């Protein structure tokens, strides 16, 4: 049986993303990184819920995060994770390793 070694992160990336009623990548296309995990938190001051999913995420299909809630997702690329807001100008913060 082959042996696999888990590669430890060499850097931590973080930021905030302003959302609208159109889906957008959580981290953005400008971040050229491969990550093992990303934690996404809906900002406490948000007026509504935000929704996490793939590029087709909507307020009826996404994973709901209410203000102050968070989720950790394992993903190979930040371009796979999208978010959308029920209220324009709500924000998420994120940290990726």
PDB file of N, CA and C in Angstrom:
ATOM      1  N   UNK A   1       0.838  -1.173   0.000  1.00  0.00           N
ATOM      2  CA  UNK A   1       0.000   0.000   0.000  1.00  0.00           C
ATOM      3  C   UNK A   1       0.886   1.241   0.000  1.00  0.00           C
ATOM      4  N   UNK A   2       0.592   2.199  -0.901  1.00  0.00           N
ATOM      5  CA  UNK A   2       1.421   3.400  -0.955  1.00  0.00           C
ATOM      6  C   UNK A   2       1.262   4.257   0.295  1.00  0.00           C
ATOM      7  N   UNK A   3       2.309   4.963   0.604  1.00  0.00           N
ATOM      8  CA  UNK A   3       2.304   5.855   1.760  1.00  0.00           C
ATOM      9  C   UNK A   3       2.160   7.296   1.281  1.00  0.00           C
ATOM     10  N   UNK A   4       1.288   8.054   1.961  1.00  0.00           N
ATOM     11  CA  UNK A   4       1.066   9.444   1.601  1.00  0.00           C
ATOM     12  C   UNK A   4       1.428  10.338   2.771  1.00  0.00           C
ATOM     13  N   UNK A   5       2.071  11.419   2.466  1.00  0.00           N
ATOM     14  CA  UNK A   5       2.450  12.380   3.496  1.00  0.00           C
ATOM     15  C   UNK A   5       1.624  13.638   3.302  1.00  0.00           C
ATOM     16  N   UNK A   6       1.005  14.103   4.359  1.00  0.00           N
ATOM     17  CA  UNK A   6       0.241  15.343   4.284  1.00  0.00           C
ATOM     18  C   UNK A   6       1.204  16.525   4.257  1.00  0.00           C
ATOM     19  N   UNK A   7       1.013  17.393   3.291  1.00  0.00           N
ATOM     20  CA  UNK A   7       1.857  18.577   3.173  1.00  0.00           C
ATOM     21  C   UNK A   7       1.284  19.669   4.059  1.00  0.00           C
ATOM     22  N   UNK A   8       2.121  20.198   4.929  1.00  0.00           N
ATOM     23  CA  UNK A   8       1.679  21.246   5.837  1.00  0.00           C
ATOM     24  C   UNK A   8       1.677  22.594   5.126  1.00  0.00           C
ATOM     25  N   UNK A   9       0.712  23.449   5.478  1.00  0.00           N
ATOM     26  CA  UNK A   9       0.677  24.777   4.858  1.00  0.00           C
ATOM     27  C   UNK A   9       1.957  25.554   5.143  1.00  0.00           C
ATOM     28  N   UNK A  10       2.377  26.348   4.175  1.00  0.00           N
ATOM     29  CA  UNK A  10       3.571  27.167   4.351  1.00  0.00           C
ATOM     30  C   UNK A  10       3.228  28.642   4.546  1.00  0.00           C
ATOM     31  N   UNK A  11       1.943  28.971   4.402  1.00  0.00           N
ATOM     32  CA  UNK A  11       1.533  30.370   4.566  1.00  0.00           C
ATOM     33  C   UNK A  11       0.065  30.423   4.979  1.00  0.00           C
ATOM     34  N   UNK A  12      -0.326  31.536   5.548  1.00  0.00           N
ATOM     35  CA  UNK A  12      -1.718  31.799   5.897  1.00  0.00           C
ATOM     36  C   UNK A  12      -2.144  33.043   5.133  1.00  0.00           C
ATOM     37  N   UNK A  13      -3.293  32.958   4.481  1.00  0.00           N
ATOM     38  CA  UNK A  13      -3.849  34.070   3.719  1.00  0.00           C
ATOM     39  C   UNK A  13      -5.177  34.452   4.358  1.00  0.00           C
ATOM     40  N   UNK A  14      -5.486  35.742   4.367  1.00  0.00           N
ATOM     41  CA  UNK A  14      -6.763  36.175   4.929  1.00  0.00           C
ATOM     42  C   UNK A  14      -7.245  37.414   4.197  1.00  0.00           C
ATOM     43  N   UNK A  15      -8.522  37.689   4.342  1.00  0.00           N
ATOM     44  CA  UNK A  15      -9.084  38.869   3.704  1.00  0.00           C
ATOM     45  C   UNK A  15     -10.564  38.983   3.974  1.00  0.00           C
ATOM     46  N   UNK A  16     -11.169  39.973   3.352  1.00  0.00           N
ATOM     47  CA  UNK A  16     -12.605  40.192   3.432  1.00  0.00           C
ATOM     48  C   UNK A  16     -13.132  40.400   2.022  1.00  0.00           C
ATOM     49  N   UNK A  17     -14.352  39.957   1.796  1.00  0.00           N
ATOM     50  CA  UNK A  17     -14.979  40.085   0.489  1.00  0.00           C
ATOM     51  C   UNK A  17     -16.355  40.702   0.663  1.00  0.00           C
ATOM     52  N   UNK A  18     -16.610  41.771  -0.089  1.00  0.00           N
ATOM     53  CA  UNK A  18     -17.925  42.410  -0.092  1.00  0.00           C
ATOM     54  C   UNK A  18     -18.798  41.677  -1.103  1.00  0.00           C
ATOM     55  N   UNK A  19     -20.011  41.327  -0.688  1.00  0.00           N
ATOM     56  CA  UNK A  19     -20.897  40.529  -1.534  1.00  0.00           C
ATOM     57  C   UNK A  19     -22.087  41.337  -2.027  1.00  0.00           C
ATOM     58  N   UNK A  20     -22.679  40.854  -3.106  1.00  0.00           N
ATOM     59  CA  UNK A  20     -23.896  41.450  -3.639  1.00  0.00           C
ATOM     60  C   UNK A  20     -24.869  40.316  -3.934  1.00  0.00           C
ATOM     61  N   UNK A  21     -25.912  40.620  -4.687  1.00  0.00           N
ATOM     62  CA  UNK A  21     -26.885  39.595  -5.039  1.00  0.00           C
ATOM     63  C   UNK A  21     -26.434  38.777  -6.252  1.00  0.00           C
ATOM     64  N   UNK A  22     -25.192  38.976  -6.705  1.00  0.00           N
ATOM     65  CA  UNK A  22     -24.583  38.153  -7.749  1.00  0.00           C
ATOM     66  C   UNK A  22     -23.466  37.330  -7.120  1.00  0.00           C
ATOM     67  N   UNK A  23     -23.348  36.063  -7.510  1.00  0.00           N
ATOM     68  CA  UNK A  23     -22.317  35.218  -6.906  1.00  0.00           C
ATOM     69  C   UNK A  23     -20.931  35.697  -7.299  1.00  0.00           C
ATOM     70  N   UNK A  24     -20.005  35.558  -6.366  1.00  0.00           N
ATOM     71  CA  UNK A  24     -18.612  35.952  -6.580  1.00  0.00           C
ATOM     72  C   UNK A  24     -17.711  34.950  -5.877  1.00  0.00           C
ATOM     73  N   UNK A  25     -16.477  34.806  -6.354  1.00  0.00           N
ATOM     74  CA  UNK A  25     -15.556  33.912  -5.667  1.00  0.00           C
ATOM     75  C   UNK A  25     -15.234  34.488  -4.292  1.00  0.00           C
ATOM     76  N   UNK A  26     -15.101  33.623  -3.319  1.00  0.00           N
ATOM     77  CA  UNK A  26     -14.846  34.058  -1.942  1.00  0.00           C
ATOM     78  C   UNK A  26     -13.508  34.770  -1.851  1.00  0.00           C
ATOM     79  N   UNK A  27     -12.462  34.172  -2.403  1.00  0.00           N
ATOM     80  CA  UNK A  27     -11.120  34.728  -2.279  1.00  0.00           C
ATOM     81  C   UNK A  27     -10.773  35.586  -3.489  1.00  0.00           C
ATOM     82  N   UNK A  28     -11.324  35.310  -4.616  1.00  0.00           N
ATOM     83  CA  UNK A  28     -11.049  36.103  -5.810  1.00  0.00           C
ATOM     84  C   UNK A  28     -10.031  35.435  -6.700  1.00  0.00           C
ATOM     85  N   UNK A  29     -10.144  35.693  -7.969  1.00  0.00           N
ATOM     86  CA  UNK A  29      -9.255  35.077  -8.956  1.00  0.00           C
ATOM     87  C   UNK A  29      -7.827  35.570  -8.860  1.00  0.00           C
ATOM     88  N   UNK A  30      -7.618  36.720  -8.228  1.00  0.00           N
ATOM     89  CA  UNK A  30      -6.268  37.278  -8.164  1.00  0.00           C
ATOM     90  C   UNK A  30      -5.369  36.537  -7.177  1.00  0.00           C
ATOM     91  N   UNK A  31      -5.945  35.734  -6.309  1.00  0.00           N
ATOM     92  CA  UNK A  31      -5.150  34.985  -5.339  1.00  0.00           C
ATOM     93  C   UNK A  31      -4.661  33.694  -5.986  1.00  0.00           C
ATOM     94  N   UNK A  32      -3.395  33.606  -6.294  1.00  0.00           N
ATOM     95  CA  UNK A  32      -2.811  32.438  -6.927  1.00  0.00           C
ATOM     96  C   UNK A  32      -2.266  31.519  -5.839  1.00  0.00           C
ATOM     97  N   UNK A  33      -3.140  30.682  -5.285  1.00  0.00           N
ATOM     98  CA  UNK A  33      -2.699  29.790  -4.227  1.00  0.00           C
ATOM     99  C   UNK A  33      -3.463  28.487  -4.282  1.00  0.00           C
ATOM    100  N   UNK A  34      -2.852  27.478  -3.753  1.00  0.00           N
ATOM    101  CA  UNK A  34      -3.495  26.193  -3.547  1.00  0.00           C
ATOM    102  C   UNK A  34      -3.643  26.049  -2.049  1.00  0.00           C
ATOM    103  N   UNK A  35      -4.839  25.745  -1.610  1.00  0.00           N
ATOM    104  CA  UNK A  35      -5.060  25.703  -0.173  1.00  0.00           C
ATOM    105  C   UNK A  35      -5.606  24.351   0.239  1.00  0.00           C
ATOM    106  N   UNK A  36      -5.489  24.064   1.526  1.00  0.00           N
ATOM    107  CA  UNK A  36      -6.062  22.842   2.049  1.00  0.00           C
ATOM    108  C   UNK A  36      -7.386  23.124   2.757  1.00  0.00           C
ATOM    109  N   UNK A  37      -7.506  24.277   3.390  1.00  0.00           N
ATOM    110  CA  UNK A  37      -8.751  24.642   4.070  1.00  0.00           C
ATOM    111  C   UNK A  37      -8.972  26.142   4.005  1.00  0.00           C
ATOM    112  N   UNK A  38     -10.234  26.513   3.973  1.00  0.00           N
ATOM    113  CA  UNK A  38     -10.598  27.923   4.087  1.00  0.00           C
ATOM    114  C   UNK A  38     -11.758  28.027   5.073  1.00  0.00           C
ATOM    115  N   UNK A  39     -11.645  28.951   6.002  1.00  0.00           N
ATOM    116  CA  UNK A  39     -12.730  29.245   6.929  1.00  0.00           C
ATOM    117  C   UNK A  39     -13.365  30.553   6.485  1.00  0.00           C
ATOM    118  N   UNK A  40     -14.690  30.522   6.349  1.00  0.00           N
ATOM    119  CA  UNK A  40     -15.449  31.683   5.891  1.00  0.00           C
ATOM    120  C   UNK A  40     -16.420  32.066   6.997  1.00  0.00           C
ATOM    121  N   UNK A  41     -16.416  33.356   7.348  1.00  0.00           N
ATOM    122  CA  UNK A  41     -17.304  33.844   8.401  1.00  0.00           C
ATOM    123  C   UNK A  41     -18.154  34.989   7.867  1.00  0.00           C
ATOM    124  N   UNK A  42     -19.449  34.927   8.134  1.00  0.00           N
ATOM    125  CA  UNK A  42     -20.339  36.038   7.816  1.00  0.00           C
ATOM    126  C   UNK A  42     -20.120  37.115   8.881  1.00  0.00           C
ATOM    127  N   UNK A  43     -19.858  38.328   8.449  1.00  0.00           N
ATOM    128  CA  UNK A  43     -19.554  39.402   9.394  1.00  0.00           C
ATOM    129  C   UNK A  43     -20.750  39.672  10.313  1.00  0.00           C
ATOM    130  N   UNK A  44     -20.456  39.986  11.555  1.00  0.00           N
ATOM    131  CA  UNK A  44     -21.484  40.190  12.580  1.00  0.00           C
ATOM    132  C   UNK A  44     -22.436  41.325  12.210  1.00  0.00           C
ATOM    133  N   UNK A  45     -21.958  42.340  11.522  1.00  0.00           N
ATOM    134  CA  UNK A  45     -22.778  43.507  11.176  1.00  0.00           C
ATOM    135  C   UNK A  45     -23.664  43.292   9.943  1.00  0.00           C
ATOM    136  N   UNK A  46     -23.625  42.118   9.340  1.00  0.00           N
ATOM    137  CA  UNK A  46     -24.424  41.871   8.139  1.00  0.00           C
ATOM    138  C   UNK A  46     -25.915  42.047   8.403  1.00  0.00           C
ATOM    139  N   UNK A  47     -26.624  42.567   7.409  1.00  0.00           N
ATOM    140  CA  UNK A  47     -28.072  42.769   7.509  1.00  0.00           C
ATOM    141  C   UNK A  47     -28.846  41.494   7.192  1.00  0.00           C
ATOM    142  N   UNK A  48     -28.241  40.591   6.433  1.00  0.00           N
ATOM    143  CA  UNK A  48     -28.915  39.357   6.037  1.00  0.00           C
ATOM    144  C   UNK A  48     -27.950  38.190   6.020  1.00  0.00           C
ATOM    145  N   UNK A  49     -28.432  37.074   5.518  1.00  0.00           N
ATOM    146  CA  UNK A  49     -27.613  35.869   5.415  1.00  0.00           C
ATOM    147  C   UNK A  49     -26.754  35.914   4.161  1.00  0.00           C
ATOM    148  N   UNK A  50     -25.655  35.163   4.192  1.00  0.00           N
ATOM    149  CA  UNK A  50     -24.851  34.922   2.996  1.00  0.00           C
ATOM    150  C   UNK A  50     -24.897  33.423   2.731  1.00  0.00           C
ATOM    151  N   UNK A  51     -24.645  33.042   1.478  1.00  0.00           N
ATOM    152  CA  UNK A  51     -24.785  31.651   1.068  1.00  0.00           C
ATOM    153  C   UNK A  51     -23.516  31.222   0.348  1.00  0.00           C
ATOM    154  N   UNK A  52     -23.023  30.026   0.683  1.00  0.00           N
ATOM    155  CA  UNK A  52     -21.770  29.494   0.162  1.00  0.00           C
ATOM    156  C   UNK A  52     -22.074  28.302  -0.739  1.00  0.00           C
ATOM    157  N   UNK A  53     -21.352  28.199  -1.859  1.00  0.00           N
ATOM    158  CA  UNK A  53     -21.538  27.067  -2.763  1.00  0.00           C
ATOM    159  C   UNK A  53     -20.581  27.133  -3.925  1.00  0.00           C
ATOM    160  N   UNK A  54     -20.999  26.520  -5.046  1.00  0.00           N
ATOM    161  CA  UNK A  54     -20.171  26.551  -6.252  1.00  0.00           C
ATOM    162  C   UNK A  54     -20.562  27.752  -7.103  1.00  0.00           C
ATOM    163  N   UNK A  55     -20.131  27.783  -8.346  1.00  0.00           N
ATOM    164  CA  UNK A  55     -20.359  28.958  -9.195  1.00  0.00           C
ATOM    165  C   UNK A  55     -21.830  29.226  -9.474  1.00  0.00           C
ATOM    166  N   UNK A  56     -22.697  28.258  -9.231  1.00  0.00           N
ATOM    167  CA  UNK A  56     -24.135  28.456  -9.458  1.00  0.00           C
ATOM    168  C   UNK A  56     -24.888  28.744  -8.157  1.00  0.00           C
ATOM    169  N   UNK A  57     -24.173  29.088  -7.089  1.00  0.00           N
ATOM    170  CA  UNK A  57     -24.816  29.311  -5.800  1.00  0.00           C
ATOM    171  C   UNK A  57     -25.878  30.404  -5.902  1.00  0.00           C
ATOM    172  N   UNK A  58     -26.967  30.200  -5.174  1.00  0.00           N
ATOM    173  CA  UNK A  58     -28.027  31.203  -5.078  1.00  0.00           C
ATOM    174  C   UNK A  58     -28.524  31.220  -3.636  1.00  0.00           C
ATOM    175  N   UNK A  59     -29.402  32.151  -3.336  1.00  0.00           N
ATOM    176  CA  UNK A  59     -29.935  32.224  -1.973  1.00  0.00           C
ATOM    177  C   UNK A  59     -30.872  31.059  -1.671  1.00  0.00           C
ATOM    178  N   UNK A  60     -31.269  30.312  -2.685  1.00  0.00           N
ATOM    179  CA  UNK A  60     -32.126  29.148  -2.435  1.00  0.00           C
ATOM    180  C   UNK A  60     -31.365  27.827  -2.491  1.00  0.00           C
ATOM    181  N   UNK A  61     -30.095  27.852  -2.956  1.00  0.00           N
ATOM    182  CA  UNK A  61     -29.336  26.594  -3.057  1.00  0.00           C
ATOM    183  C   UNK A  61     -28.076  26.559  -2.208  1.00  0.00           C
ATOM    184  N   UNK A  62     -27.611  27.705  -1.724  1.00  0.00           N
ATOM    185  CA  UNK A  62     -26.339  27.752  -1.001  1.00  0.00           C
ATOM    186  C   UNK A  62     -26.449  27.334   0.450  1.00  0.00           C
ATOM    187  N   UNK A  63     -25.284  27.126   1.062  1.00  0.00           N
ATOM    188  CA  UNK A  63     -25.186  26.820   2.489  1.00  0.00           C
ATOM    189  C   UNK A  63     -25.299  28.149   3.233  1.00  0.00           C
ATOM    190  N   UNK A  64     -26.334  28.305   4.041  1.00  0.00           N
ATOM    191  CA  UNK A  64     -26.615  29.586   4.693  1.00  0.00           C
ATOM    192  C   UNK A  64     -25.706  29.850   5.889  1.00  0.00           C
ATOM    193  N   UNK A  65     -25.184  31.060   5.923  1.00  0.00           N
ATOM    194  CA  UNK A  65     -24.466  31.556   7.096  1.00  0.00           C
ATOM    195  C   UNK A  65     -25.155  32.840   7.538  1.00  0.00           C
ATOM    196  N   UNK A  66     -25.659  32.844   8.752  1.00  0.00           N
ATOM    197  CA  UNK A  66     -26.224  34.065   9.316  1.00  0.00           C
ATOM    198  C   UNK A  66     -25.089  34.874   9.928  1.00  0.00           C
ATOM    199  N   UNK A  67     -25.354  36.124  10.227  1.00  0.00           N
ATOM    200  CA  UNK A  67     -24.333  37.007  10.791  1.00  0.00           C
ATOM    201  C   UNK A  67     -23.630  36.335  11.962  1.00  0.00           C
ATOM    202  N   UNK A  68     -22.297  36.280  11.906  1.00  0.00           N
ATOM    203  CA  UNK A  68     -21.486  35.702  12.967  1.00  0.00           C
ATOM    204  C   UNK A  68     -21.207  34.221  12.821  1.00  0.00           C
ATOM    205  N   UNK A  69     -21.881  33.527  11.907  1.00  0.00           N
ATOM    206  CA  UNK A  69     -21.641  32.101  11.720  1.00  0.00           C
ATOM    207  C   UNK A  69     -20.483  31.877  10.760  1.00  0.00           C
ATOM    208  N   UNK A  70     -19.869  30.687  10.840  1.00  0.00           N
ATOM    209  CA  UNK A  70     -18.736  30.365   9.983  1.00  0.00           C
ATOM    210  C   UNK A  70     -18.763  28.913   9.565  1.00  0.00           C
ATOM    211  N   UNK A  71     -17.988  28.617   8.525  1.00  0.00           N
ATOM    212  CA  UNK A  71     -17.840  27.257   8.019  1.00  0.00           C
ATOM    213  C   UNK A  71     -16.395  27.077   7.567  1.00  0.00           C
ATOM    214  N   UNK A  72     -15.850  25.877   7.734  1.00  0.00           N
ATOM    215  CA  UNK A  72     -14.525  25.541   7.228  1.00  0.00           C
ATOM    216  C   UNK A  72     -14.699  24.511   6.126  1.00  0.00           C
ATOM    217  N   UNK A  73     -14.079  24.784   4.979  1.00  0.00           N
ATOM    218  CA  UNK A  73     -14.206  23.928   3.802  1.00  0.00           C
ATOM    219  C   UNK A  73     -12.813  23.499   3.348  1.00  0.00           C
ATOM    220  N   UNK A  74     -12.665  22.227   3.015  1.00  0.00           N
ATOM    221  CA  UNK A  74     -11.437  21.735   2.393  1.00  0.00           C
ATOM    222  C   UNK A  74     -11.606  21.860   0.887  1.00  0.00           C
ATOM    223  N   UNK A  75     -10.669  22.518   0.250  1.00  0.00           N
ATOM    224  CA  UNK A  75     -10.742  22.706  -1.207  1.00  0.00           C
ATOM    225  C   UNK A  75      -9.341  22.870  -1.763  1.00  0.00           C
ATOM    226  N   UNK A  76      -9.154  22.441  -2.987  1.00  0.00           N
ATOM    227  CA  UNK A  76      -7.839  22.538  -3.614  1.00  0.00           C
ATOM    228  C   UNK A  76      -7.564  23.878  -4.253  1.00  0.00           C
ATOM    229  N   UNK A  77      -8.629  24.621  -4.540  1.00  0.00           N
ATOM    230  CA  UNK A  77      -8.457  25.904  -5.212  1.00  0.00           C
ATOM    231  C   UNK A  77      -9.508  26.888  -4.728  1.00  0.00           C
ATOM    232  N   UNK A  78      -9.122  28.115  -4.460  1.00  0.00           N
ATOM    233  CA  UNK A  78     -10.091  29.107  -4.003  1.00  0.00           C
ATOM    234  C   UNK A  78     -11.127  29.449  -5.065  1.00  0.00           C
ATOM    235  N   UNK A  79     -10.819  29.200  -6.316  1.00  0.00           N
ATOM    236  CA  UNK A  79     -11.757  29.523  -7.384  1.00  0.00           C
ATOM    237  C   UNK A  79     -12.985  28.620  -7.387  1.00  0.00           C
ATOM    238  N   UNK A  80     -12.982  27.573  -6.556  1.00  0.00           N
ATOM    239  CA  UNK A  80     -14.120  26.656  -6.487  1.00  0.00           C
ATOM    240  C   UNK A  80     -15.202  27.120  -5.517  1.00  0.00           C
ATOM    241  N   UNK A  81     -14.901  28.073  -4.657  1.00  0.00           N
ATOM    242  CA  UNK A  81     -15.827  28.479  -3.597  1.00  0.00           C
ATOM    243  C   UNK A  81     -16.410  29.852  -3.916  1.00  0.00           C
ATOM    244  N   UNK A  82     -17.735  29.906  -3.978  1.00  0.00           N
ATOM    245  CA  UNK A  82     -18.446  31.137  -4.292  1.00  0.00           C
ATOM    246  C   UNK A  82     -19.373  31.515  -3.141  1.00  0.00           C
ATOM    247  N   UNK A  83     -19.769  32.781  -3.118  1.00  0.00           N
ATOM    248  CA  UNK A  83     -20.707  33.267  -2.107  1.00  0.00           C
ATOM    249  C   UNK A  83     -21.641  34.285  -2.739  1.00  0.00           C
ATOM    250  N   UNK A  84     -22.802  34.421  -2.143  1.00  0.00           N
ATOM    251  CA  UNK A  84     -23.790  35.401  -2.579  1.00  0.00           C
ATOM    252  C   UNK A  84     -24.483  35.915  -1.323  1.00  0.00           C
ATOM    253  N   UNK A  85     -24.955  37.145  -1.364  1.00  0.00           N
ATOM    254  CA  UNK A  85     -25.606  37.749  -0.199  1.00  0.00           C
ATOM    255  C   UNK A  85     -27.083  37.979  -0.474  1.00  0.00           C
ATOM    256  N   UNK A  86     -27.900  37.819   0.564  1.00  0.00           N
ATOM    257  CA  UNK A  86     -29.314  38.162   0.454  1.00  0.00           C
ATOM    258  C   UNK A  86     -29.481  39.679   0.413  1.00  0.00           C
ATOM    259  N   UNK A  87     -28.573  40.402   1.060  1.00  0.00           N
ATOM    260  CA  UNK A  87     -28.587  41.867   1.095  1.00  0.00           C
ATOM    261  C   UNK A  87     -27.294  42.379   0.467  1.00  0.00           C
ATOM    262  N   UNK A  88     -27.399  43.290  -0.481  1.00  0.00           N
ATOM    263  CA  UNK A  88     -26.198  43.880  -1.080  1.00  0.00           C
ATOM    264  C   UNK A  88     -25.312  44.497  -0.008  1.00  0.00           C
ATOM    265  N   UNK A  89     -24.013  44.407  -0.232  1.00  0.00           N
ATOM    266  CA  UNK A  89     -22.984  44.997   0.632  1.00  0.00           C
ATOM    267  C   UNK A  89     -22.793  44.300   1.969  1.00  0.00           C
ATOM    268  N   UNK A  90     -23.293  43.081   2.127  1.00  0.00           N
ATOM    269  CA  UNK A  90     -22.895  42.284   3.274  1.00  0.00           C
ATOM    270  C   UNK A  90     -21.517  41.713   2.994  1.00  0.00           C
ATOM    271  N   UNK A  91     -20.783  41.388   4.052  1.00  0.00           N
ATOM    272  CA  UNK A  91     -19.380  40.981   3.908  1.00  0.00           C
ATOM    273  C   UNK A  91     -19.125  39.620   4.547  1.00  0.00           C
ATOM    274  N   UNK A  92     -18.071  38.975   4.041  1.00  0.00           N
ATOM    275  CA  UNK A  92     -17.525  37.778   4.675  1.00  0.00           C
ATOM    276  C   UNK A  92     -16.052  38.031   4.932  1.00  0.00           C
ATOM    277  N   UNK A  93     -15.526  37.392   5.950  1.00  0.00           N
ATOM    278  CA  UNK A  93     -14.081  37.360   6.148  1.00  0.00           C
ATOM    279  C   UNK A  93     -13.649  35.922   5.951  1.00  0.00           C
ATOM    280  N   UNK A  94     -12.386  35.729   5.577  1.00  0.00           N
ATOM    281  CA  UNK A  94     -11.900  34.384   5.301  1.00  0.00           C
ATOM    282  C   UNK A  94     -10.427  34.257   5.688  1.00  0.00           C
ATOM    283  N   UNK A  95     -10.061  33.042   5.999  1.00  0.00           N
ATOM    284  CA  UNK A  95      -8.670  32.706   6.263  1.00  0.00           C
ATOM    285  C   UNK A  95      -8.415  31.352   5.600  1.00  0.00           C
ATOM    286  N   UNK A  96      -7.301  31.259   4.855  1.00  0.00           N
ATOM    287  CA  UNK A  96      -6.982  30.042   4.113  1.00  0.00           C
ATOM    288  C   UNK A  96      -5.567  29.591   4.435  1.00  0.00           C
ATOM    289  N   UNK A  97      -5.379  28.273   4.479  1.00  0.00           N
ATOM    290  CA  UNK A  97      -4.049  27.703   4.677  1.00  0.00           C
ATOM    291  C   UNK A  97      -3.762  26.725   3.565  1.00  0.00           C
TER     292      UNK A  97
END
